């Protein structure tokens, strides 16, 4: 796989943020520490009122060529507009979406890219794992509510809504002429299946991927 950052990235990870300056660096770090090295981070700030944009600019200055930061002219009130702006700025062959309060498993980009290139899919869906930390005990628990893993190509299924939150890798050329609805938020909701145009083929990395 290409690791020359002078060439187009394999994947552009669009990280959207609003008033989340504390967690943004952790999200970005999870992208920069991917085993697939040829990835870029496109941070889009939805006109935060805290220091999120300044943090984003600091990350871009710290990682030139790998992180870029942008800010919308006004707050959009949702996830669609900042994601669309990220798509417009993306230089990668594929685009993956990540929210500032989420992190990527370190092999996520590699596994999703390999799944896309092996199957020829326009869209690869990953598994979303929710982690809950008890504020009193500090005990952590995790799970994948509403999701059922299935091998091979997938169809759009409203019974598995959380897989449509942020963990989607889409071929950049397949986004031409399509966009996120500005009224659709990126929460685990069946409504997020409305994003972009229908892919010709959808797949998910198999269990046991390295």
C-alpha atoms as a PDB file:
ATOM      1  CA  UNK A   1       0.000   0.000   0.000  1.00  0.00           C
ATOM      2  CA  UNK A   2       1.122   3.508  -0.742  1.00  0.00           C
ATOM      3  CA  UNK A   3       2.954   5.206   2.147  1.00  0.00           C
ATOM      4  CA  UNK A   4       4.323   8.239   0.244  1.00  0.00           C
ATOM      5  CA  UNK A   5       2.390  11.189   1.674  1.00  0.00           C
ATOM      6  CA  UNK A   6       3.282  13.234  -1.425  1.00  0.00           C
ATOM      7  CA  UNK A   7       0.858  10.966  -3.250  1.00  0.00           C
ATOM      8  CA  UNK A   8      -2.920  11.020  -2.659  1.00  0.00           C
ATOM      9  CA  UNK A   9      -3.839   9.362   0.656  1.00  0.00           C
ATOM     10  CA  UNK A  10      -5.484   5.962   0.552  1.00  0.00           C
ATOM     11  CA  UNK A  11      -8.116   7.235   2.983  1.00  0.00           C
ATOM     12  CA  UNK A  12      -9.230  10.693   4.105  1.00  0.00           C
ATOM     13  CA  UNK A  13     -10.745  10.501   7.588  1.00  0.00           C
ATOM     14  CA  UNK A  14     -13.183  13.373   8.074  1.00  0.00           C
ATOM     15  CA  UNK A  15     -13.400  14.244  11.778  1.00  0.00           C
ATOM     16  CA  UNK A  16     -16.244  16.609  12.633  1.00  0.00           C
ATOM     17  CA  UNK A  17     -16.249  18.526  15.908  1.00  0.00           C
ATOM     18  CA  UNK A  18     -18.478  20.905  17.841  1.00  0.00           C
ATOM     19  CA  UNK A  19     -17.527  22.133  21.336  1.00  0.00           C
ATOM     20  CA  UNK A  20     -15.418  19.055  22.041  1.00  0.00           C
ATOM     21  CA  UNK A  21     -11.897  20.411  22.474  1.00  0.00           C
ATOM     22  CA  UNK A  22     -10.996  17.857  25.166  1.00  0.00           C
ATOM     23  CA  UNK A  23     -11.733  14.692  23.194  1.00  0.00           C
ATOM     24  CA  UNK A  24     -10.759  15.870  19.701  1.00  0.00           C
ATOM     25  CA  UNK A  25      -7.015  15.074  20.100  1.00  0.00           C
ATOM     26  CA  UNK A  26      -7.820  11.485  21.107  1.00  0.00           C
ATOM     27  CA  UNK A  27      -9.961  10.970  18.014  1.00  0.00           C
ATOM     28  CA  UNK A  28      -7.278  12.414  15.739  1.00  0.00           C
ATOM     29  CA  UNK A  29      -4.555  10.391  17.437  1.00  0.00           C
ATOM     30  CA  UNK A  30      -6.511   7.177  16.759  1.00  0.00           C
ATOM     31  CA  UNK A  31      -6.274   8.003  13.040  1.00  0.00           C
ATOM     32  CA  UNK A  32      -2.612   8.975  13.061  1.00  0.00           C
ATOM     33  CA  UNK A  33      -1.733   5.727  14.849  1.00  0.00           C
ATOM     34  CA  UNK A  34      -3.418   3.510  12.247  1.00  0.00           C
ATOM     35  CA  UNK A  35      -1.385   0.593  10.897  1.00  0.00           C
ATOM     36  CA  UNK A  36      -2.284   1.942   7.452  1.00  0.00           C
ATOM     37  CA  UNK A  37       0.076   4.896   7.335  1.00  0.00           C
ATOM     38  CA  UNK A  38      -1.097   6.657   4.177  1.00  0.00           C
ATOM     39  CA  UNK A  39      -4.136   8.348   5.681  1.00  0.00           C
ATOM     40  CA  UNK A  40      -4.976  12.000   6.200  1.00  0.00           C
ATOM     41  CA  UNK A  41      -7.188  13.690   8.779  1.00  0.00           C
ATOM     42  CA  UNK A  42      -9.606  16.406   7.680  1.00  0.00           C
ATOM     43  CA  UNK A  43     -10.994  18.179  10.755  1.00  0.00           C
ATOM     44  CA  UNK A  44     -14.122  20.257  10.213  1.00  0.00           C
ATOM     45  CA  UNK A  45     -15.239  22.477  13.089  1.00  0.00           C
ATOM     46  CA  UNK A  46     -18.942  23.339  13.088  1.00  0.00           C
ATOM     47  CA  UNK A  47     -18.301  26.845  14.424  1.00  0.00           C
ATOM     48  CA  UNK A  48     -17.597  25.781  18.010  1.00  0.00           C
ATOM     49  CA  UNK A  49     -17.841  28.309  20.816  1.00  0.00           C
ATOM     50  CA  UNK A  50     -15.066  26.682  22.849  1.00  0.00           C
ATOM     51  CA  UNK A  51     -11.454  26.114  21.811  1.00  0.00           C
ATOM     52  CA  UNK A  52     -12.114  23.231  19.418  1.00  0.00           C
ATOM     53  CA  UNK A  53     -10.948  25.072  16.306  1.00  0.00           C
ATOM     54  CA  UNK A  54      -7.775  26.276  18.001  1.00  0.00           C
ATOM     55  CA  UNK A  55      -7.069  22.687  19.061  1.00  0.00           C
ATOM     56  CA  UNK A  56      -7.710  21.548  15.488  1.00  0.00           C
ATOM     57  CA  UNK A  57      -5.300  24.143  14.116  1.00  0.00           C
ATOM     58  CA  UNK A  58      -2.709  23.068  16.665  1.00  0.00           C
ATOM     59  CA  UNK A  59      -3.016  19.454  15.549  1.00  0.00           C
ATOM     60  CA  UNK A  60      -2.639  20.530  11.913  1.00  0.00           C
ATOM     61  CA  UNK A  61       0.500  22.510  12.788  1.00  0.00           C
ATOM     62  CA  UNK A  62       1.884  19.560  14.726  1.00  0.00           C
ATOM     63  CA  UNK A  63       1.254  17.109  11.867  1.00  0.00           C
ATOM     64  CA  UNK A  64       1.728  19.033   8.586  1.00  0.00           C
ATOM     65  CA  UNK A  65       0.720  17.055   5.532  1.00  0.00           C
ATOM     66  CA  UNK A  66      -1.306  14.601   7.592  1.00  0.00           C
ATOM     67  CA  UNK A  67      -3.832  16.820   9.385  1.00  0.00           C
ATOM     68  CA  UNK A  68      -5.780  19.772   7.978  1.00  0.00           C
ATOM     69  CA  UNK A  69      -8.296  21.931   9.835  1.00  0.00           C
ATOM     70  CA  UNK A  70     -11.315  23.822   8.515  1.00  0.00           C
ATOM     71  CA  UNK A  71     -14.107  25.839  10.103  1.00  0.00           C
ATOM     72  CA  UNK A  72     -17.620  26.492   8.843  1.00  0.00           C
ATOM     73  CA  UNK A  73     -18.728  30.100   8.517  1.00  0.00           C
ATOM     74  CA  UNK A  74     -21.691  29.461  10.795  1.00  0.00           C
ATOM     75  CA  UNK A  75     -22.965  26.648  12.961  1.00  0.00           C
ATOM     76  CA  UNK A  76     -25.061  24.193  10.957  1.00  0.00           C
ATOM     77  CA  UNK A  77     -26.788  22.558  13.917  1.00  0.00           C
ATOM     78  CA  UNK A  78     -26.124  19.068  12.572  1.00  0.00           C
ATOM     79  CA  UNK A  79     -23.579  16.655  11.138  1.00  0.00           C
ATOM     80  CA  UNK A  80     -24.432  16.850   7.442  1.00  0.00           C
ATOM     81  CA  UNK A  81     -22.871  20.207   6.569  1.00  0.00           C
ATOM     82  CA  UNK A  82     -19.466  19.604   8.202  1.00  0.00           C
ATOM     83  CA  UNK A  83     -19.249  16.133   6.670  1.00  0.00           C
ATOM     84  CA  UNK A  84     -20.081  17.531   3.232  1.00  0.00           C
ATOM     85  CA  UNK A  85     -17.338  20.136   3.690  1.00  0.00           C
ATOM     86  CA  UNK A  86     -14.948  17.363   4.636  1.00  0.00           C
ATOM     87  CA  UNK A  87     -15.853  15.399   1.519  1.00  0.00           C
ATOM     88  CA  UNK A  88     -15.128  18.482  -0.592  1.00  0.00           C
ATOM     89  CA  UNK A  89     -11.684  18.850   1.002  1.00  0.00           C
ATOM     90  CA  UNK A  90     -10.755  15.152   0.981  1.00  0.00           C
ATOM     91  CA  UNK A  91      -7.784  14.112  -1.152  1.00  0.00           C
ATOM     92  CA  UNK A  92      -7.950  10.373  -0.499  1.00  0.00           C
ATOM     93  CA  UNK A  93      -9.180   7.563  -2.697  1.00  0.00           C
ATOM     94  CA  UNK A  94     -11.668   6.715   0.036  1.00  0.00           C
ATOM     95  CA  UNK A  95     -13.429   8.809   2.668  1.00  0.00           C
ATOM     96  CA  UNK A  96     -14.174   7.614   6.213  1.00  0.00           C
ATOM     97  CA  UNK A  97     -16.185   9.569   8.803  1.00  0.00           C
ATOM     98  CA  UNK A  98     -15.310   9.897  12.481  1.00  0.00           C
ATOM     99  CA  UNK A  99     -16.855  12.043  15.209  1.00  0.00           C
ATOM    100  CA  UNK A 100     -14.694  13.850  17.759  1.00  0.00           C
ATOM    101  CA  UNK A 101     -15.977  11.650  20.594  1.00  0.00           C
ATOM    102  CA  UNK A 102     -15.159   8.405  18.769  1.00  0.00           C
ATOM    103  CA  UNK A 103     -11.934   6.514  18.101  1.00  0.00           C
ATOM    104  CA  UNK A 104     -10.812   4.045  15.456  1.00  0.00           C
ATOM    105  CA  UNK A 105      -9.417   0.610  16.248  1.00  0.00           C
ATOM    106  CA  UNK A 106      -5.819   0.752  15.022  1.00  0.00           C
ATOM    107  CA  UNK A 107      -6.385  -1.679  12.113  1.00  0.00           C
ATOM    108  CA  UNK A 108      -9.695  -0.138  11.038  1.00  0.00           C
ATOM    109  CA  UNK A 109      -8.445   1.774   7.990  1.00  0.00           C
ATOM    110  CA  UNK A 110      -6.313  -1.116   6.743  1.00  0.00           C
ATOM    111  CA  UNK A 111      -9.135  -3.637   7.129  1.00  0.00           C
ATOM    112  CA  UNK A 112     -11.708  -1.414   5.462  1.00  0.00           C
ATOM    113  CA  UNK A 113      -9.399  -0.546   2.565  1.00  0.00           C
ATOM    114  CA  UNK A 114      -8.552  -4.200   1.996  1.00  0.00           C
ATOM    115  CA  UNK A 115     -12.250  -5.124   2.106  1.00  0.00           C
ATOM    116  CA  UNK A 116     -13.079  -2.426  -0.453  1.00  0.00           C
ATOM    117  CA  UNK A 117     -10.256  -3.332  -2.831  1.00  0.00           C
ATOM    118  CA  UNK A 118     -10.821  -7.080  -2.520  1.00  0.00           C
ATOM    119  CA  UNK A 119     -14.559  -6.930  -3.200  1.00  0.00           C
ATOM    120  CA  UNK A 120     -14.725  -3.845  -5.426  1.00  0.00           C
ATOM    121  CA  UNK A 121     -17.305  -2.338  -3.066  1.00  0.00           C
ATOM    122  CA  UNK A 122     -18.115   1.380  -3.180  1.00  0.00           C
ATOM    123  CA  UNK A 123     -19.041   1.374   0.504  1.00  0.00           C
ATOM    124  CA  UNK A 124     -17.591  -0.563   3.432  1.00  0.00           C
ATOM    125  CA  UNK A 125     -19.443  -0.627   6.763  1.00  0.00           C
ATOM    126  CA  UNK A 126     -17.575  -1.218  10.007  1.00  0.00           C
ATOM    127  CA  UNK A 127     -18.825  -2.342  13.392  1.00  0.00           C
ATOM    128  CA  UNK A 128     -19.625   0.334  15.953  1.00  0.00           C
ATOM    129  CA  UNK A 129     -18.835  -0.532  19.578  1.00  0.00           C
ATOM    130  CA  UNK A 130     -20.290   1.625  22.350  1.00  0.00           C
ATOM    131  CA  UNK A 131     -18.212   2.041  25.504  1.00  0.00           C
ATOM    132  CA  UNK A 132     -19.908   3.161  28.706  1.00  0.00           C
ATOM    133  CA  UNK A 133     -17.906   4.405  31.701  1.00  0.00           C
ATOM    134  CA  UNK A 134     -19.726   4.499  35.034  1.00  0.00           C
ATOM    135  CA  UNK A 135     -19.146   7.982  36.483  1.00  0.00           C
ATOM    136  CA  UNK A 136     -19.074   6.677  40.065  1.00  0.00           C
ATOM    137  CA  UNK A 137     -17.099   3.452  39.845  1.00  0.00           C
ATOM    138  CA  UNK A 138     -15.106   4.096  36.661  1.00  0.00           C
ATOM    139  CA  UNK A 139     -16.105   0.627  35.452  1.00  0.00           C
ATOM    140  CA  UNK A 140     -16.132   0.272  31.661  1.00  0.00           C
ATOM    141  CA  UNK A 141     -18.584  -1.812  29.646  1.00  0.00           C
ATOM    142  CA  UNK A 142     -19.022  -2.170  25.911  1.00  0.00           C
ATOM    143  CA  UNK A 143     -21.433  -3.649  23.439  1.00  0.00           C
ATOM    144  CA  UNK A 144     -22.915  -3.432  19.964  1.00  0.00           C
ATOM    145  CA  UNK A 145     -26.646  -2.882  20.520  1.00  0.00           C
ATOM    146  CA  UNK A 146     -28.857  -3.631  17.560  1.00  0.00           C
ATOM    147  CA  UNK A 147     -26.077  -5.079  15.409  1.00  0.00           C
ATOM    148  CA  UNK A 148     -25.724  -8.563  14.025  1.00  0.00           C
ATOM    149  CA  UNK A 149     -22.507  -9.456  12.213  1.00  0.00           C
ATOM    150  CA  UNK A 150     -22.992 -11.184   8.893  1.00  0.00           C
ATOM    151  CA  UNK A 151     -20.257 -12.434   6.549  1.00  0.00           C
ATOM    152  CA  UNK A 152     -19.987 -11.308   2.959  1.00  0.00           C
ATOM    153  CA  UNK A 153     -21.763  -8.483   1.118  1.00  0.00           C
ATOM    154  CA  UNK A 154     -24.389  -6.581   3.084  1.00  0.00           C
ATOM    155  CA  UNK A 155     -27.629  -4.933   2.106  1.00  0.00           C
ATOM    156  CA  UNK A 156     -29.054  -1.846   3.749  1.00  0.00           C
ATOM    157  CA  UNK A 157     -30.793  -3.142   6.841  1.00  0.00           C
ATOM    158  CA  UNK A 158     -32.765  -0.982   9.286  1.00  0.00           C
ATOM    159  CA  UNK A 159     -32.279  -3.745  11.881  1.00  0.00           C
ATOM    160  CA  UNK A 160     -28.596  -2.800  12.122  1.00  0.00           C
ATOM    161  CA  UNK A 161     -28.690   0.988  12.457  1.00  0.00           C
ATOM    162  CA  UNK A 162     -25.590   1.564  14.565  1.00  0.00           C
ATOM    163  CA  UNK A 163     -23.352   0.375  11.765  1.00  0.00           C
ATOM    164  CA  UNK A 164     -24.357   3.522   9.890  1.00  0.00           C
ATOM    165  CA  UNK A 165     -23.122   5.995  12.458  1.00  0.00           C
ATOM    166  CA  UNK A 166     -19.524   6.885  11.640  1.00  0.00           C
ATOM    167  CA  UNK A 167     -17.731   3.722  10.614  1.00  0.00           C
ATOM    168  CA  UNK A 168     -18.235   3.931   6.851  1.00  0.00           C
ATOM    169  CA  UNK A 169     -15.494   3.980   4.262  1.00  0.00           C
ATOM    170  CA  UNK A 170     -16.672   5.198   0.865  1.00  0.00           C
ATOM    171  CA  UNK A 171     -14.844   5.495  -2.445  1.00  0.00           C
ATOM    172  CA  UNK A 172     -14.329   9.216  -3.102  1.00  0.00           C
ATOM    173  CA  UNK A 173     -15.392   8.948  -6.747  1.00  0.00           C
ATOM    174  CA  UNK A 174     -18.693   7.431  -5.608  1.00  0.00           C
ATOM    175  CA  UNK A 175     -19.575  10.601  -3.675  1.00  0.00           C
ATOM    176  CA  UNK A 176     -19.744  12.755  -6.806  1.00  0.00           C
ATOM    177  CA  UNK A 177     -23.107  14.495  -7.005  1.00  0.00           C
ATOM    178  CA  UNK A 178     -24.196  13.156  -3.620  1.00  0.00           C
ATOM    179  CA  UNK A 179     -24.134  14.550  -0.110  1.00  0.00           C
ATOM    180  CA  UNK A 180     -25.345  14.169   3.440  1.00  0.00           C
ATOM    181  CA  UNK A 181     -28.707  15.675   4.213  1.00  0.00           C
ATOM    182  CA  UNK A 182     -28.156  18.730   6.397  1.00  0.00           C
ATOM    183  CA  UNK A 183     -31.119  17.558   8.471  1.00  0.00           C
ATOM    184  CA  UNK A 184     -29.590  14.165   9.284  1.00  0.00           C
ATOM    185  CA  UNK A 185     -27.399  13.828  12.358  1.00  0.00           C
ATOM    186  CA  UNK A 186     -24.784  11.115  12.657  1.00  0.00           C
ATOM    187  CA  UNK A 187     -26.223   9.441  15.746  1.00  0.00           C
ATOM    188  CA  UNK A 188     -26.900   5.699  15.553  1.00  0.00           C
ATOM    189  CA  UNK A 189     -30.199   6.040  13.779  1.00  0.00           C
ATOM    190  CA  UNK A 190     -31.779   4.318  10.815  1.00  0.00           C
ATOM    191  CA  UNK A 191     -32.201   7.739   9.189  1.00  0.00           C
ATOM    192  CA  UNK A 192     -28.472   7.903   8.520  1.00  0.00           C
ATOM    193  CA  UNK A 193     -28.898   5.261   5.822  1.00  0.00           C
ATOM    194  CA  UNK A 194     -30.056   8.154   3.625  1.00  0.00           C
ATOM    195  CA  UNK A 195     -26.495   9.364   3.262  1.00  0.00           C
ATOM    196  CA  UNK A 196     -25.124   9.754  -0.266  1.00  0.00           C
ATOM    197  CA  UNK A 197     -26.339   7.811  -3.272  1.00  0.00           C
ATOM    198  CA  UNK A 198     -26.893   4.064  -3.215  1.00  0.00           C
ATOM    199  CA  UNK A 199     -23.616   2.165  -3.633  1.00  0.00           C
ATOM    200  CA  UNK A 200     -23.351  -0.517  -6.274  1.00  0.00           C
ATOM    201  CA  UNK A 201     -21.874  -2.878  -3.726  1.00  0.00           C
ATOM    202  CA  UNK A 202     -21.597  -2.750   0.055  1.00  0.00           C
ATOM    203  CA  UNK A 203     -19.382  -4.936   2.212  1.00  0.00           C
ATOM    204  CA  UNK A 204     -17.878  -5.211   5.694  1.00  0.00           C
ATOM    205  CA  UNK A 205     -14.451  -6.554   6.730  1.00  0.00           C
ATOM    206  CA  UNK A 206     -14.636 -10.217   7.730  1.00  0.00           C
ATOM    207  CA  UNK A 207     -14.157 -11.420  11.278  1.00  0.00           C
ATOM    208  CA  UNK A 208     -10.582 -12.271  12.101  1.00  0.00           C
ATOM    209  CA  UNK A 209      -9.010  -9.632   9.858  1.00  0.00           C
ATOM    210  CA  UNK A 210      -5.460  -8.839  10.974  1.00  0.00           C
END
